Amino acid sequence: MATDDPRATDERVTHVVAGEAVGNAAWHKPLVHIIAGALSKSTGQTPGMTRLEAISGKMVGSENLWMGETHVAPETNSGDHHHGEAETAIYVVSGTPRFVFLEDGQEVAFETNPGDYIFVPPYTPHREENPSATTPAVVVIARTTQEGIVVNLPSLWGTADGQPG
């Protein structure tokens, strides 16, 4: 039997009939649509930026994922912070934000453009900077925790004087 459908002969593809259970979970659960204007500011905040929550346990019942947006106004820097045990993935939507962190005790900055991605490991202090005089920086964030963890710090070193401890 000839077919143009590559799945017809691919034994690696598993087909599940709608309504069947996979393990203990129902296969079909409803999708949740979050409209752009419905994002919530009711999440951890850091001075110099605005976080908007879209996907979380609180918003949609997610169990292992948090997603949202961060907005940094022109010529503004966020405060130094980390996100606890969460791995964080960042996608640059607009603007040219810089992501500043420590490497071997020295500040390092990644210069980014729309379409770039940044990975922030757990417990890594960092900050966002928007060097543009006119364009806000907007990024989409995904984290491996159900809620947005934000730990604001006095400096990247975690010390009040901004120097290594």
C-alpha atoms as a PDB file:
ATOM      1  CA  MET A   1       0.000   0.000   0.000  1.00  0.00           C
ATOM      2  CA  ALA A   2       1.545   3.310  -1.110  1.00  0.00           C
ATOM      3  CA  THR A   3       1.056   6.418   0.993  1.00  0.00           C
ATOM      4  CA  ASP A   4       2.531   9.891   1.249  1.00  0.00           C
ATOM      5  CA  ASP A   5       2.001   9.845   5.026  1.00  0.00           C
ATOM      6  CA  PRO A   6       5.398   8.995   6.625  1.00  0.00           C
ATOM      7  CA  ARG A   7       3.643   7.982   9.848  1.00  0.00           C
ATOM      8  CA  ALA A   8       1.927   5.074   8.118  1.00  0.00           C
ATOM      9  CA  THR A   9       5.113   2.975   8.175  1.00  0.00           C
ATOM     10  CA  ASP A  10       7.044   4.602  11.027  1.00  0.00           C
ATOM     11  CA  GLU A  11       7.021   2.236  14.002  1.00  0.00           C
ATOM     12  CA  ARG A  12       8.473   4.992  16.228  1.00  0.00           C
ATOM     13  CA  VAL A  13       5.191   6.909  16.173  1.00  0.00           C
ATOM     14  CA  THR A  14       2.652   6.011  18.823  1.00  0.00           C
ATOM     15  CA  HIS A  15      -0.964   6.642  17.955  1.00  0.00           C
ATOM     16  CA  VAL A  16      -3.341   7.071  20.882  1.00  0.00           C
ATOM     17  CA  VAL A  17      -7.069   6.950  20.379  1.00  0.00           C
ATOM     18  CA  ALA A  18      -8.813  10.043  21.744  1.00  0.00           C
ATOM     19  CA  GLY A  19     -10.193   9.372  25.199  1.00  0.00           C
ATOM     20  CA  GLU A  20      -7.740   6.561  26.046  1.00  0.00           C
ATOM     21  CA  ALA A  21      -5.722   6.928  29.206  1.00  0.00           C
ATOM     22  CA  VAL A  22      -1.939   7.168  28.998  1.00  0.00           C
ATOM     23  CA  GLY A  23      -0.628   5.921  32.318  1.00  0.00           C
ATOM     24  CA  ASN A  24      -2.853   7.442  34.995  1.00  0.00           C
ATOM     25  CA  ALA A  25      -3.521  10.695  33.147  1.00  0.00           C
ATOM     26  CA  ALA A  26      -6.369  11.362  30.754  1.00  0.00           C
ATOM     27  CA  TRP A  27      -4.959  11.973  27.295  1.00  0.00           C
ATOM     28  CA  HIS A  28      -7.303  14.809  26.376  1.00  0.00           C
ATOM     29  CA  LYS A  29      -7.348  17.801  28.677  1.00  0.00           C
ATOM     30  CA  PRO A  30      -8.603  21.213  27.609  1.00  0.00           C
ATOM     31  CA  LEU A  31      -6.165  23.824  26.341  1.00  0.00           C
ATOM     32  CA  VAL A  32      -6.036  27.178  28.102  1.00  0.00           C
ATOM     33  CA  HIS A  33      -5.827  30.388  26.063  1.00  0.00           C
ATOM     34  CA  ILE A  34      -4.321  33.412  27.815  1.00  0.00           C
ATOM     35  CA  ILE A  35      -5.112  36.590  25.909  1.00  0.00           C
ATOM     36  CA  ALA A  36      -2.264  39.133  25.792  1.00  0.00           C
ATOM     37  CA  GLY A  37      -4.127  41.712  27.871  1.00  0.00           C
ATOM     38  CA  ALA A  38      -4.942  39.139  30.559  1.00  0.00           C
ATOM     39  CA  LEU A  39      -1.398  38.646  31.879  1.00  0.00           C
ATOM     40  CA  SER A  40      -1.049  39.252  35.610  1.00  0.00           C
ATOM     41  CA  LYS A  41       1.381  41.506  37.501  1.00  0.00           C
ATOM     42  CA  SER A  42       0.639  39.365  40.552  1.00  0.00           C
ATOM     43  CA  THR A  43       4.031  37.619  40.517  1.00  0.00           C
ATOM     44  CA  GLY A  44       7.454  38.290  41.986  1.00  0.00           C
ATOM     45  CA  GLN A  45       8.835  41.661  40.885  1.00  0.00           C
ATOM     46  CA  THR A  46      12.313  43.192  40.730  1.00  0.00           C
ATOM     47  CA  PRO A  47      12.975  46.945  40.728  1.00  0.00           C
ATOM     48  CA  GLY A  48      13.547  48.339  37.226  1.00  0.00           C
ATOM     49  CA  MET A  49      11.390  45.816  35.365  1.00  0.00           C
ATOM     50  CA  THR A  50       7.816  44.603  35.161  1.00  0.00           C
ATOM     51  CA  ARG A  51       7.060  40.875  35.101  1.00  0.00           C
ATOM     52  CA  LEU A  52       3.767  39.640  33.692  1.00  0.00           C
ATOM     53  CA  GLU A  53       2.618  36.112  34.460  1.00  0.00           C
ATOM     54  CA  ALA A  54       0.865  34.090  31.753  1.00  0.00           C
ATOM     55  CA  ILE A  55       1.318  30.387  32.572  1.00  0.00           C
ATOM     56  CA  SER A  56       1.563  29.205  36.186  1.00  0.00           C
ATOM     57  CA  GLY A  57      -0.177  27.030  38.705  1.00  0.00           C
ATOM     58  CA  LYS A  58      -2.193  30.028  39.820  1.00  0.00           C
ATOM     59  CA  MET A  59      -3.164  31.162  36.313  1.00  0.00           C
ATOM     60  CA  VAL A  60      -3.835  27.862  34.512  1.00  0.00           C
ATOM     61  CA  GLY A  61      -3.057  24.979  36.866  1.00  0.00           C
ATOM     62  CA  SER A  62       0.358  24.117  35.399  1.00  0.00           C
ATOM     63  CA  GLU A  63       2.425  21.802  37.548  1.00  0.00           C
ATOM     64  CA  ASN A  64       5.977  22.175  36.225  1.00  0.00           C
ATOM     65  CA  LEU A  65       6.091  25.336  34.140  1.00  0.00           C
ATOM     66  CA  TRP A  66       5.978  29.107  34.560  1.00  0.00           C
ATOM     67  CA  MET A  67       5.903  31.484  31.586  1.00  0.00           C
ATOM     68  CA  GLY A  68       5.517  35.183  31.247  1.00  0.00           C
ATOM     69  CA  GLU A  69       6.983  38.414  29.944  1.00  0.00           C
ATOM     70  CA  THR A  70       9.433  40.936  31.293  1.00  0.00           C
ATOM     71  CA  HIS A  71       9.453  44.580  30.239  1.00  0.00           C
ATOM     72  CA  VAL A  72      12.406  46.908  30.910  1.00  0.00           C
ATOM     73  CA  ALA A  73      11.924  50.580  30.039  1.00  0.00           C
ATOM     74  CA  PRO A  74      14.509  52.489  27.972  1.00  0.00           C
ATOM     75  CA  GLU A  75      17.724  53.419  29.800  1.00  0.00           C
ATOM     76  CA  THR A  76      16.745  51.273  32.795  1.00  0.00           C
ATOM     77  CA  ASN A  77      18.465  48.421  34.635  1.00  0.00           C
ATOM     78  CA  SER A  78      16.726  45.800  36.713  1.00  0.00           C
ATOM     79  CA  GLY A  79      17.874  45.031  40.215  1.00  0.00           C
ATOM     80  CA  ASP A  80      20.190  42.062  40.695  1.00  0.00           C
ATOM     81  CA  HIS A  81      18.295  38.826  41.347  1.00  0.00           C
ATOM     82  CA  HIS A  82      18.110  35.054  40.809  1.00  0.00           C
ATOM     83  CA  HIS A  83      15.308  32.520  40.371  1.00  0.00           C
ATOM     84  CA  GLY A  84      16.128  29.886  42.991  1.00  0.00           C
ATOM     85  CA  GLU A  85      16.059  26.292  41.770  1.00  0.00           C
ATOM     86  CA  ALA A  86      14.364  27.232  38.496  1.00  0.00           C
ATOM     87  CA  GLU A  87      16.135  26.929  35.173  1.00  0.00           C
ATOM     88  CA  THR A  88      15.144  29.947  33.103  1.00  0.00           C
ATOM     89  CA  ALA A  89      14.931  30.290  29.329  1.00  0.00           C
ATOM     90  CA  ILE A  90      14.610  33.769  27.843  1.00  0.00           C
ATOM     91  CA  TYR A  91      13.551  34.726  24.316  1.00  0.00           C
ATOM     92  CA  VAL A  92      14.163  38.335  23.219  1.00  0.00           C
ATOM     93  CA  VAL A  93      11.025  39.726  21.558  1.00  0.00           C
ATOM     94  CA  SER A  94      12.033  43.371  21.109  1.00  0.00           C
ATOM     95  CA  GLY A  95      14.731  45.810  22.070  1.00  0.00           C
ATOM     96  CA  THR A  96      18.399  45.054  22.687  1.00  0.00           C
ATOM     97  CA  PRO A  97      18.617  44.007  26.335  1.00  0.00           C
ATOM     98  CA  ARG A  98      21.892  43.126  28.018  1.00  0.00           C
ATOM     99  CA  PHE A  99      22.050  40.236  30.482  1.00  0.00           C
ATOM    100  CA  VAL A 100      24.725  40.785  33.119  1.00  0.00           C
ATOM    101  CA  PHE A 101      26.132  38.041  35.365  1.00  0.00           C
ATOM    102  CA  LEU A 102      29.413  37.091  37.077  1.00  0.00           C
ATOM    103  CA  GLU A 103      32.087  34.900  35.526  1.00  0.00           C
ATOM    104  CA  ASP A 104      35.261  34.299  37.533  1.00  0.00           C
ATOM    105  CA  GLY A 105      34.322  37.200  39.816  1.00  0.00           C
ATOM    106  CA  GLN A 106      33.957  39.711  36.963  1.00  0.00           C
ATOM    107  CA  GLU A 107      30.804  41.171  35.446  1.00  0.00           C
ATOM    108  CA  VAL A 108      30.074  39.840  31.964  1.00  0.00           C
ATOM    109  CA  ALA A 109      27.299  41.139  29.696  1.00  0.00           C
ATOM    110  CA  PHE A 110      25.595  39.356  26.816  1.00  0.00           C
ATOM    111  CA  GLU A 111      24.372  41.863  24.217  1.00  0.00           C
ATOM    112  CA  THR A 112      21.176  40.513  22.627  1.00  0.00           C
ATOM    113  CA  ASN A 113      18.837  41.220  19.738  1.00  0.00           C
ATOM    114  CA  PRO A 114      15.284  40.134  18.876  1.00  0.00           C
ATOM    115  CA  GLY A 115      15.233  36.409  18.201  1.00  0.00           C
ATOM    116  CA  ASP A 116      18.110  35.595  20.587  1.00  0.00           C
ATOM    117  CA  TYR A 117      17.798  33.158  23.505  1.00  0.00           C
ATOM    118  CA  ILE A 118      19.468  33.194  26.930  1.00  0.00           C
ATOM    119  CA  PHE A 119      19.700  30.303  29.420  1.00  0.00           C
ATOM    120  CA  VAL A 120      20.010  31.169  33.124  1.00  0.00           C
ATOM    121  CA  PRO A 121      21.028  28.235  35.371  1.00  0.00           C
ATOM    122  CA  PRO A 122      19.447  27.842  38.828  1.00  0.00           C
ATOM    123  CA  TYR A 123      20.608  30.259  41.550  1.00  0.00           C
ATOM    124  CA  THR A 124      22.637  32.386  39.081  1.00  0.00           C
ATOM    125  CA  PRO A 125      22.556  36.088  40.033  1.00  0.00           C
ATOM    126  CA  HIS A 126      21.954  38.345  37.042  1.00  0.00           C
ATOM    127  CA  ARG A 127      20.280  41.551  35.898  1.00  0.00           C
ATOM    128  CA  GLU A 128      18.731  42.902  32.733  1.00  0.00           C
ATOM    129  CA  GLU A 129      19.800  46.230  31.297  1.00  0.00           C
ATOM    130  CA  ASN A 130      18.140  48.217  28.531  1.00  0.00           C
ATOM    131  CA  PRO A 131      20.690  50.574  26.964  1.00  0.00           C
ATOM    132  CA  SER A 132      18.264  51.963  24.358  1.00  0.00           C
ATOM    133  CA  ALA A 133      17.165  55.572  24.774  1.00  0.00           C
ATOM    134  CA  THR A 134      13.855  54.909  23.020  1.00  0.00           C
ATOM    135  CA  THR A 135      12.894  51.219  22.749  1.00  0.00           C
ATOM    136  CA  PRO A 136      11.553  49.106  25.620  1.00  0.00           C
ATOM    137  CA  ALA A 137      13.096  45.645  25.991  1.00  0.00           C
ATOM    138  CA  VAL A 138      10.536  42.827  26.025  1.00  0.00           C
ATOM    139  CA  VAL A 139      11.391  39.170  26.622  1.00  0.00           C
ATOM    140  CA  VAL A 140       9.404  35.971  27.071  1.00  0.00           C
ATOM    141  CA  ILE A 141      10.478  33.829  30.009  1.00  0.00           C
ATOM    142  CA  ALA A 142       9.948  30.125  30.721  1.00  0.00           C
ATOM    143  CA  ARG A 143      10.921  28.513  34.023  1.00  0.00           C
ATOM    144  CA  THR A 144      10.979  24.936  35.244  1.00  0.00           C
ATOM    145  CA  THR A 145       8.951  25.685  38.352  1.00  0.00           C
ATOM    146  CA  GLN A 146       5.225  26.071  38.707  1.00  0.00           C
ATOM    147  CA  GLU A 147       5.489  29.556  40.192  1.00  0.00           C
ATOM    148  CA  GLY A 148       7.792  32.436  39.314  1.00  0.00           C
ATOM    149  CA  ILE A 149      10.598  32.416  41.879  1.00  0.00           C
ATOM    150  CA  VAL A 150      12.310  35.787  42.333  1.00  0.00           C
ATOM    151  CA  VAL A 151      15.043  36.403  44.909  1.00  0.00           C
ATOM    152  CA  ASN A 152      16.121  40.049  44.808  1.00  0.00           C
ATOM    153  CA  LEU A 153      19.735  40.663  45.826  1.00  0.00           C
ATOM    154  CA  PRO A 154      21.709  43.730  46.955  1.00  0.00           C
ATOM    155  CA  SER A 155      24.335  42.950  44.256  1.00  0.00           C
ATOM    156  CA  LEU A 156      25.442  40.207  41.878  1.00  0.00           C
ATOM    157  CA  TRP A 157      27.754  39.014  44.668  1.00  0.00           C
ATOM    158  CA  GLY A 158      24.854  38.971  47.112  1.00  0.00           C
ATOM    159  CA  THR A 159      26.552  41.551  49.333  1.00  0.00           C
ATOM    160  CA  ALA A 160      25.273  44.994  50.260  1.00  0.00           C
ATOM    161  CA  ASP A 161      28.459  46.773  49.116  1.00  0.00           C
ATOM    162  CA  GLY A 162      28.351  45.083  45.693  1.00  0.00           C
ATOM    163  CA  GLN A 163      31.752  43.451  46.175  1.00  0.00           C
ATOM    164  CA  PRO A 164      32.787  39.812  46.548  1.00  0.00           C
ATOM    165  CA  GLY A 165      32.215  38.489  50.073  1.00  0.00           C
END
